[in-house]
Amino acid sequence: MTRQIGIIMNGITGRMGYRQHLLRSILAIRDQGGVELADGSRLQVDPILVGRNLERVKEIAERHGVDRYTTDLDAALANPDDQIYFDAQLTTVREESILKAIAAGKDIYTEKPISESLEGSLRMARAAREAGVKNGVVHDKLYLPGLLKLKRLIDGGFFGRILSVRGEFGYWVFEGDWQAAQRPSWNYRKQDGGGMATDMFCHWNYVLENLFGDVQAVTAKTVTHIPERWDEKGEKYEATADDAAYGIFELDGDIIAVINSSWATRVHRDELVEFHVDGTEGSAVAGLHHCVAQHRSETPKPVWNPDLAEATPFRDQWHPVPDNGEFDNGFKAQWEQFLRYVVGEGEHPYDFMAGARGVRLAEAGLQSSAEGRRIELEEIHA
């Protein structure tokens, strides 16, 4: 037996909304015949695409065989057959649309940051609680093969007592003058919701709290390394948002995490993001897809001697962590989990309050940079 669930998808003309959520998640779920439930039945998705530009939305819908599309969000929200509202719009307009969807009784799944401010995030959490609607926030990096392997090491006690985490994220985003930028220009305009800390500290919060421990304090420095860029039309503009954020995060259990995030760095590592974890019993380095580990019994004994060129093949002394299974697209895997949760099967712990904690960390990071001091995080409640 197969039943359908209607999904209002707002913001699918953007890069993330189109590639990861529509193409690689919802349409992939549709094409595989839906999501299999515990009783053997299937839950098939029936999306309606929402956007401000009718021609763009129509073109995407027709290209992928989606029958329903509109520019009228209010009309879409009025349809009782559409149970879920999904939002991948700009952060600056997300809260208003989600509050409308909550008022219409829709279950909510959204990209992050969920709001421009902690106050707005908590306002959404309260509204969802009072309306009794289910809600979820994208936590895609937790579903990546590299981090799933890292979690397996943590759960298996491989590290002993975890001491520290070092993260490196980012790559060179071209300014847009002599080569087109590979990220949208709004990312570099603070007034449009751009900024590295605003974007990525939300990610680092859920990675840290779900793998290592809650963030208790942050010391950060945000920088705009590239002050001028060129937009999609080739027009020069002032980059008003930070394009790099350097953070020290103090976690439960006296774990220290240091994560550098930059759109102005050239990559000299195996993947675009890597986390190096050190523990008393072993260490590991995890990226998007791969993870290598080194146990204390196999740890070499380097001796500092700057007079001789280093001949030790340090990278060769680490062992790959095996897949031990098949990994689906991370966005699709979380969509399937949320869909099951909406129909009463399983849990989905990544709710609006989880999203609010990410926004809180981003705000604290920006405050730390502006004031040049360490910021302790207070507990928050809806």
Protein backbone atom coordinates (compact mmCIF):
# COMPACT_ATOMS: atom_id res chain seq x y z
CA MET A 1 0.00 0.00 0.00
CA THR A 2 1.23 3.51 -0.89
CA ARG A 3 -0.02 6.81 0.42
CA GLN A 4 1.00 10.33 -0.54
CA ILE A 5 2.16 13.25 1.54
CA GLY A 6 2.07 16.75 0.09
CA ILE A 7 5.13 18.96 0.58
CA ILE A 8 5.25 22.71 -0.04
CA MET A 9 8.82 23.45 -1.15
CA ASN A 10 9.68 27.14 -0.93
CA GLY A 11 13.04 28.37 -2.23
CA ILE A 12 13.89 25.61 -4.71
CA THR A 13 15.26 28.06 -7.28
CA GLY A 14 18.32 28.60 -5.08
CA ARG A 15 21.43 26.42 -5.23
CA MET A 16 20.83 24.41 -2.04
CA GLY A 17 17.07 24.23 -2.41
CA TYR A 18 17.33 22.92 -5.94
CA ARG A 19 20.37 20.63 -5.87
CA GLN A 20 20.28 19.07 -2.44
CA HIS A 21 16.63 19.23 -1.39
CA LEU A 22 14.62 18.97 -4.59
CA LEU A 23 16.87 17.06 -6.99
CA ARG A 24 18.89 14.80 -4.67
CA SER A 25 16.31 14.33 -1.94
CA ILE A 26 12.62 14.73 -2.76
CA LEU A 27 12.81 13.74 -6.44
CA ALA A 28 15.16 10.86 -5.57
CA ILE A 29 12.64 9.67 -2.96
CA ARG A 30 9.84 10.01 -5.52
CA ASP A 31 11.76 8.06 -8.14
CA GLN A 32 12.57 5.22 -5.75
CA GLY A 33 8.87 4.79 -5.03
CA GLY A 34 8.71 6.69 -1.75
CA VAL A 35 9.90 5.87 1.74
CA GLU A 36 9.32 2.39 3.12
CA LEU A 37 7.64 2.35 6.51
CA ALA A 38 7.86 -0.23 9.30
CA ASP A 39 4.55 -1.88 8.38
CA GLY A 40 5.72 -2.49 4.79
CA SER A 41 3.68 0.33 3.27
CA ARG A 42 5.26 3.23 1.38
CA LEU A 43 5.00 6.97 1.82
CA GLN A 44 5.24 8.76 -1.53
CA VAL A 45 6.07 12.46 -1.77
CA ASP A 46 3.96 14.92 -3.76
CA PRO A 47 5.78 18.27 -3.93
CA ILE A 48 4.43 21.67 -4.93
CA LEU A 49 7.21 24.09 -5.91
CA VAL A 50 6.97 27.68 -4.67
CA GLY A 51 9.04 30.62 -5.86
CA ARG A 52 8.83 34.31 -6.67
CA ASN A 53 9.72 33.95 -10.37
CA LEU A 54 6.98 32.01 -12.16
CA GLU A 55 9.05 31.24 -15.26
CA ARG A 56 11.93 29.80 -13.24
CA VAL A 57 9.65 27.69 -11.06
CA LYS A 58 7.68 26.48 -14.09
CA GLU A 59 10.87 25.55 -15.96
CA ILE A 60 12.19 23.51 -13.00
CA ALA A 61 8.83 21.78 -12.54
CA GLU A 62 8.50 20.84 -16.20
CA ARG A 63 12.13 19.70 -16.42
CA HIS A 64 11.62 17.21 -13.60
CA GLY A 65 8.03 16.14 -14.14
CA VAL A 66 6.56 17.96 -11.15
CA ASP A 67 2.90 18.76 -11.81
CA ARG A 68 2.37 21.49 -9.21
CA TYR A 69 4.04 24.87 -8.90
CA THR A 70 3.01 28.38 -7.86
CA THR A 71 4.16 31.85 -6.81
CA ASP A 72 1.29 32.13 -4.30
CA LEU A 73 2.53 30.83 -0.94
CA ASP A 74 -0.73 31.70 0.84
CA ALA A 75 -2.74 29.58 -1.61
CA ALA A 76 -0.33 26.68 -1.18
CA LEU A 77 -0.59 26.90 2.60
CA ALA A 78 -4.40 26.83 2.33
CA ASN A 79 -4.37 23.35 0.79
CA PRO A 80 -5.06 20.79 3.56
CA ASP A 81 -3.57 17.98 1.44
CA ASP A 82 -0.09 19.49 1.81
CA GLN A 83 1.04 18.52 5.30
CA ILE A 84 4.69 19.69 5.26
CA TYR A 85 6.16 23.12 4.60
CA PHE A 86 9.85 23.24 3.64
CA ASP A 87 11.88 26.46 3.51
CA ALA A 88 15.18 27.04 1.68
CA GLN A 89 14.76 30.78 1.12
CA LEU A 90 17.14 33.52 2.18
CA THR A 91 17.41 33.71 5.95
CA THR A 92 16.08 37.27 5.89
CA VAL A 93 12.60 36.09 4.81
CA ARG A 94 12.49 32.65 6.41
CA GLU A 95 10.91 33.47 9.76
CA GLU A 96 7.89 35.26 8.29
CA SER A 97 7.10 32.38 5.93
CA ILE A 98 7.55 29.70 8.58
CA LEU A 99 5.29 31.52 11.05
CA LYS A 100 2.64 31.63 8.31
CA ALA A 101 3.04 27.90 7.75
CA ILE A 102 2.78 27.18 11.47
CA ALA A 103 -0.41 29.26 11.65
CA ALA A 104 -1.74 27.12 8.78
CA GLY A 105 -1.06 23.97 10.82
CA LYS A 106 1.78 22.64 8.68
CA ASP A 107 4.63 20.50 9.96
CA ILE A 108 7.87 22.35 9.25
CA TYR A 109 11.24 21.30 7.86
CA THR A 110 13.74 24.06 7.18
CA GLU A 111 17.25 25.00 6.22
CA LYS A 112 19.40 26.95 8.64
CA PRO A 113 19.94 29.45 10.08
CA ILE A 114 16.28 29.21 11.01
CA SER A 115 16.10 32.95 11.72
CA GLU A 116 18.23 36.08 11.65
CA SER A 117 18.29 36.20 15.46
CA LEU A 118 18.04 34.05 18.57
CA GLU A 119 14.92 35.98 19.52
CA GLY A 120 13.31 35.08 16.21
CA SER A 121 14.39 31.45 16.53
CA LEU A 122 12.78 31.15 19.95
CA ARG A 123 9.67 32.88 18.65
CA MET A 124 9.36 30.16 16.00
CA ALA A 125 9.98 27.40 18.55
CA ARG A 126 7.24 28.78 20.80
CA ALA A 127 4.81 29.10 17.90
CA ALA A 128 5.45 25.51 16.80
CA ARG A 129 5.03 24.20 20.34
CA GLU A 130 1.78 26.09 20.89
CA ALA A 131 0.41 24.97 17.51
CA GLY A 132 1.44 21.35 18.13
CA VAL A 133 3.20 21.01 14.78
CA LYS A 134 6.24 18.83 14.22
CA ASN A 135 9.38 20.64 13.18
CA GLY A 136 12.86 19.80 11.99
CA VAL A 137 16.02 21.64 10.97
CA VAL A 138 18.54 20.40 8.40
CA HIS A 139 21.59 18.84 10.12
CA ASP A 140 23.11 17.41 6.94
CA LYS A 141 26.73 17.03 8.05
CA LEU A 142 25.78 14.46 10.70
CA TYR A 143 24.69 12.17 7.85
CA LEU A 144 27.94 12.38 5.88
CA PRO A 145 29.96 9.15 5.53
CA GLY A 146 33.08 10.66 7.11
CA LEU A 147 31.27 11.87 10.21
CA LEU A 148 29.24 8.66 10.48
CA LYS A 149 32.52 6.75 10.60
CA LEU A 150 33.86 9.20 13.17
CA LYS A 151 30.75 8.69 15.32
CA ARG A 152 31.28 4.93 15.10
CA LEU A 153 34.76 5.42 16.57
CA ILE A 154 33.36 7.62 19.34
CA ASP A 155 30.56 5.20 20.18
CA GLY A 156 33.04 2.31 20.24
CA GLY A 157 35.27 4.05 22.77
CA PHE A 158 38.19 4.28 20.36
CA PHE A 159 39.43 7.67 21.58
CA GLY A 160 39.40 7.05 25.30
CA ARG A 161 38.99 10.54 26.77
CA ILE A 162 38.61 13.04 23.95
CA LEU A 163 40.96 15.98 24.38
CA SER A 164 40.52 18.28 21.41
CA VAL A 165 38.99 18.81 17.98
CA ARG A 166 40.59 20.81 15.16
CA GLY A 167 38.48 21.70 12.16
CA GLU A 168 39.45 23.23 8.83
CA PHE A 169 36.72 24.28 6.43
CA GLY A 170 36.53 26.33 3.25
CA TYR A 171 38.18 27.10 -0.06
CA TRP A 172 38.91 30.04 -2.33
CA VAL A 173 35.72 31.64 -3.62
CA PHE A 174 36.63 33.71 -6.66
CA GLU A 175 35.95 37.42 -6.41
CA GLY A 176 33.91 37.39 -9.61
CA ASP A 177 35.97 39.77 -11.75
CA TRP A 178 38.20 37.52 -13.84
CA GLN A 179 36.53 34.26 -12.83
CA ALA A 180 32.90 33.85 -11.82
CA ALA A 181 32.30 33.29 -8.10
CA GLN A 182 31.09 29.78 -7.21
CA ARG A 183 28.88 31.06 -4.39
CA PRO A 184 26.01 33.60 -4.63
CA SER A 185 26.86 37.24 -4.02
CA TRP A 186 24.38 37.65 -1.17
CA ASN A 187 26.67 35.44 0.95
CA TYR A 188 29.05 38.40 1.17
CA ARG A 189 26.51 41.12 1.98
CA LYS A 190 25.61 41.40 5.66
CA GLN A 191 22.39 43.27 4.85
CA ASP A 192 21.18 40.25 2.84
CA GLY A 193 21.90 37.74 5.60
CA GLY A 194 25.40 36.78 4.49
CA GLY A 195 28.42 36.04 6.65
CA MET A 196 30.64 33.08 7.46
CA ALA A 197 29.87 33.01 11.19
CA THR A 198 26.12 33.33 10.62
CA ASP A 199 26.24 30.47 8.12
CA MET A 200 28.79 28.02 9.45
CA PHE A 201 28.64 28.39 13.25
CA CYS A 202 25.12 26.91 13.03
CA HIS A 203 26.71 23.84 11.42
CA TRP A 204 29.56 23.64 13.90
CA ASN A 205 27.14 23.84 16.83
CA TYR A 206 25.21 20.71 15.84
CA VAL A 207 28.36 18.82 14.83
CA LEU A 208 30.02 19.59 18.17
CA GLU A 209 27.01 19.00 20.42
CA ASN A 210 25.99 15.74 18.75
CA LEU A 211 29.47 14.21 18.51
CA PHE A 212 31.51 15.69 21.35
CA GLY A 213 29.52 17.82 23.80
CA ASP A 214 27.54 21.02 24.24
CA VAL A 215 29.33 24.30 23.59
CA GLN A 216 29.83 26.21 26.84
CA ALA A 217 31.83 29.22 25.61
CA VAL A 218 33.26 30.71 22.42
CA THR A 219 36.10 33.03 21.51
CA ALA A 220 35.99 34.09 17.88
CA LYS A 221 37.44 36.47 15.33
CA THR A 222 35.52 37.27 12.16
CA VAL A 223 37.20 38.98 9.20
CA THR A 224 36.31 40.31 5.77
CA HIS A 225 39.48 39.38 3.91
CA ILE A 226 38.18 40.34 0.45
CA PRO A 227 36.50 43.76 0.68
CA GLU A 228 35.27 43.99 -2.93
CA ARG A 229 33.59 41.38 -5.11
CA TRP A 230 31.61 41.19 -8.37
CA ASP A 231 28.04 39.86 -8.48
CA GLU A 232 26.21 37.60 -10.93
CA LYS A 233 25.76 40.49 -13.37
CA GLY A 234 29.43 41.37 -13.27
CA GLU A 235 28.82 44.48 -11.18
CA LYS A 236 31.26 45.44 -8.45
CA TYR A 237 29.93 45.57 -4.87
CA GLU A 238 31.23 46.07 -1.34
CA ALA A 239 31.58 42.85 0.66
CA THR A 240 30.04 43.84 3.99
CA ALA A 241 29.87 40.36 5.55
CA ASP A 242 32.69 38.34 7.09
CA ASP A 243 34.22 35.80 4.70
CA ALA A 244 36.24 34.04 7.41
CA ALA A 245 35.59 33.10 11.03
CA TYR A 246 38.16 31.65 13.43
CA GLY A 247 36.68 30.10 16.55
CA ILE A 248 37.72 28.46 19.81
CA PHE A 249 34.85 26.48 21.32
CA GLU A 250 34.90 25.15 24.89
CA LEU A 251 32.80 22.00 25.24
CA ASP A 252 31.50 19.82 28.04
CA GLY A 253 34.19 17.59 29.52
CA ASP A 254 36.93 20.18 29.03
CA ILE A 255 37.16 19.38 25.31
CA ILE A 256 38.59 22.23 23.23
CA ALA A 257 37.53 22.64 19.61
CA VAL A 258 39.27 25.04 17.23
CA ILE A 259 37.59 25.50 13.85
CA ASN A 260 38.79 27.76 11.05
CA SER A 261 36.23 28.64 8.38
CA SER A 262 37.21 30.66 5.32
CA TRP A 263 36.14 31.52 1.79
CA ALA A 264 39.61 33.03 1.29
CA THR A 265 41.87 30.00 1.68
CA ARG A 266 43.42 27.59 -0.81
CA VAL A 267 42.96 23.92 -0.03
CA HIS A 268 45.90 21.76 1.02
CA ARG A 269 44.05 18.87 2.62
CA ASP A 270 42.21 15.80 1.36
CA GLU A 271 38.67 17.20 1.64
CA LEU A 272 37.00 20.61 1.82
CA VAL A 273 36.25 20.07 5.50
CA GLU A 274 38.25 17.98 7.93
CA PHE A 275 38.03 17.36 11.67
CA HIS A 276 41.11 16.11 13.54
CA VAL A 277 40.16 14.50 16.85
CA ASP A 278 42.74 13.63 19.50
CA GLY A 279 42.08 11.38 22.48
CA THR A 280 44.11 9.58 25.12
CA GLU A 281 43.75 6.24 23.31
CA GLY A 282 43.75 7.30 19.67
CA SER A 283 43.22 9.98 17.05
CA ALA A 284 41.23 10.29 13.83
CA VAL A 285 40.81 12.67 10.90
CA ALA A 286 37.37 12.75 9.29
CA GLY A 287 36.20 14.59 6.19
CA LEU A 288 33.05 14.52 4.11
CA HIS A 289 33.55 10.95 2.96
CA HIS A 290 36.71 9.49 4.44
CA CYS A 291 38.02 8.87 7.92
CA VAL A 292 41.44 7.61 9.03
CA ALA A 293 42.52 6.63 12.52
CA GLN A 294 45.64 5.91 14.54
CA HIS A 295 45.62 3.97 17.82
CA ARG A 296 48.02 4.77 20.66
CA SER A 297 49.77 1.43 20.12
CA GLU A 298 50.66 2.49 16.57
CA THR A 299 51.56 6.11 17.30
CA PRO A 300 55.08 6.99 16.10
CA LYS A 301 57.60 8.74 18.34
CA PRO A 302 58.81 11.84 16.49
CA VAL A 303 61.92 13.65 17.68
CA TRP A 304 62.26 17.35 16.89
CA ASN A 305 65.30 18.03 14.76
CA PRO A 306 65.04 21.10 12.51
CA ASP A 307 68.49 20.42 11.07
CA LEU A 308 67.31 17.39 9.06
CA ALA A 309 64.54 17.11 6.49
CA GLU A 310 61.66 15.04 7.91
CA ALA A 311 61.61 11.59 6.33
CA THR A 312 58.86 9.98 8.42
CA PRO A 313 55.81 9.15 6.26
CA PHE A 314 53.29 10.37 8.85
CA ARG A 315 50.22 10.07 6.60
CA ASP A 316 51.08 6.45 5.80
CA GLN A 317 50.82 5.56 9.50
CA TRP A 318 47.05 6.08 9.62
CA HIS A 319 44.47 3.39 8.74
CA PRO A 320 41.24 4.00 6.83
CA VAL A 321 38.05 3.39 8.79
CA PRO A 322 35.97 0.96 6.68
CA ASP A 323 32.55 1.84 5.31
CA ASN A 324 30.86 -1.22 6.86
CA GLY A 325 27.70 -0.30 4.97
CA GLU A 326 26.22 1.87 2.26
CA PHE A 327 25.82 5.62 2.74
CA ASP A 328 23.01 7.53 1.03
CA ASN A 329 23.05 11.24 0.26
CA GLY A 330 23.05 13.00 3.65
CA PHE A 331 20.25 15.42 2.79
CA LYS A 332 18.08 12.60 1.45
CA ALA A 333 18.75 10.42 4.51
CA GLN A 334 17.58 13.17 6.85
CA TRP A 335 14.53 13.90 4.69
CA GLU A 336 13.54 10.23 4.97
CA GLN A 337 14.00 10.34 8.74
CA PHE A 338 11.85 13.46 9.01
CA LEU A 339 9.12 12.03 6.77
CA ARG A 340 8.91 8.91 8.93
CA TYR A 341 8.76 11.11 12.03
CA VAL A 342 5.89 13.17 10.60
CA VAL A 343 3.74 10.06 10.11
CA GLY A 344 4.52 8.78 13.59
CA GLU A 345 7.45 6.48 12.98
CA GLY A 346 10.71 7.10 14.84
CA GLU A 347 12.21 10.27 16.24
CA HIS A 348 13.76 13.41 14.77
CA PRO A 349 15.66 15.25 17.53
CA TYR A 350 16.90 18.12 15.36
CA ASP A 351 14.07 20.56 16.01
CA PHE A 352 13.68 24.35 16.19
CA MET A 353 15.44 24.45 19.56
CA ALA A 354 18.45 22.70 18.01
CA GLY A 355 18.34 25.35 15.28
CA ALA A 356 18.06 28.09 17.90
CA ARG A 357 21.20 26.85 19.63
CA GLY A 358 23.04 27.20 16.33
CA VAL A 359 21.84 30.77 15.92
CA ARG A 360 22.83 31.47 19.53
CA LEU A 361 26.39 30.28 18.83
CA ALA A 362 26.60 32.42 15.69
CA GLU A 363 25.45 35.49 17.61
CA ALA A 364 27.91 34.75 20.42
CA GLY A 365 30.73 34.36 17.88
CA LEU A 366 29.95 37.71 16.31
CA GLN A 367 29.71 39.32 19.76
CA SER A 368 33.04 37.79 20.78
CA SER A 369 34.73 39.18 17.68
CA ALA A 370 33.18 42.64 18.07
CA GLU A 371 34.06 42.92 21.76
CA GLY A 372 37.35 41.02 21.68
CA ARG A 373 36.46 38.66 24.50
CA ARG A 374 35.31 35.17 25.47
CA ILE A 375 31.52 34.69 25.57
CA GLU A 376 29.88 32.13 27.84
CA LEU A 377 26.65 30.58 26.54
CA GLU A 378 23.61 30.58 28.77
CA GLU A 379 20.94 27.88 28.57
CA ILE A 380 17.98 28.84 26.40
CA HIS A 381 14.32 27.81 26.56
CA ALA A 382 11.43 28.32 24.17
